[in-house]
Amino acid sequence: MGLHDVSHWKKDEERQASGTREKFWLINPDNKRRYLFKIPKRLVI
């Protein structure tokens, strides 16, 4: 597993994800696949 720069990916405004964490779907411009992006509750350094 590694880090991927998704800053150029577009947010899918049509799909929504439920749950307690903030999350949203991103669309990979290379293959049009969608990936769920979750924002962590707490950042551990």
Protein backbone atom coordinates (compact mmCIF):
# COMPACT_ATOMS: atom_id res chain seq x y z
CA MET A 1 0.00 0.00 0.00
CA GLY A 2 1.22 3.49 -0.73
CA LEU A 3 0.19 7.10 -1.04
CA HIS A 4 -1.60 8.35 -4.13
CA ASP A 5 -2.02 11.97 -5.18
CA VAL A 6 -5.76 12.38 -5.75
CA SER A 7 -5.75 16.18 -5.83
CA HIS A 8 -6.68 16.15 -9.52
CA TRP A 9 -9.51 13.61 -9.10
CA LYS A 10 -13.07 14.89 -9.27
CA LYS A 11 -15.59 14.41 -6.47
CA ASP A 12 -18.68 12.40 -7.44
CA GLU A 13 -21.49 14.74 -6.37
CA GLU A 14 -24.23 12.19 -7.21
CA ARG A 15 -23.17 9.40 -4.83
CA GLN A 16 -23.29 9.73 -1.08
CA ALA A 17 -21.83 7.60 1.69
CA SER A 18 -23.49 7.09 5.06
CA GLY A 19 -21.92 6.76 8.48
CA THR A 20 -20.40 8.92 11.18
CA ARG A 21 -17.15 9.87 9.43
CA GLU A 22 -16.92 12.48 6.72
CA LYS A 23 -16.45 10.64 3.41
CA PHE A 24 -17.06 11.02 -0.29
CA TRP A 25 -16.49 9.27 -3.60
CA LEU A 26 -13.65 10.30 -5.92
CA ILE A 27 -13.43 9.44 -9.63
CA ASN A 28 -10.09 8.30 -11.03
CA PRO A 29 -9.66 10.21 -14.33
CA ASP A 30 -7.49 7.43 -15.81
CA ASN A 31 -10.03 4.61 -15.59
CA LYS A 32 -13.29 6.30 -14.38
CA ARG A 33 -13.45 3.98 -11.35
CA ARG A 34 -14.80 5.39 -8.11
CA TYR A 35 -13.03 5.17 -4.77
CA LEU A 36 -14.38 5.98 -1.32
CA PHE A 37 -12.28 8.58 0.50
CA LYS A 38 -12.67 8.73 4.29
CA ILE A 39 -11.39 11.55 6.44
CA PRO A 40 -9.98 10.15 9.70
CA LYS A 41 -11.53 11.24 12.98
CA ARG A 42 -8.10 11.82 14.46
CA LEU A 43 -4.74 12.20 12.78
CA VAL A 44 -2.04 10.09 14.42
CA ILE A 45 1.53 11.25 13.82
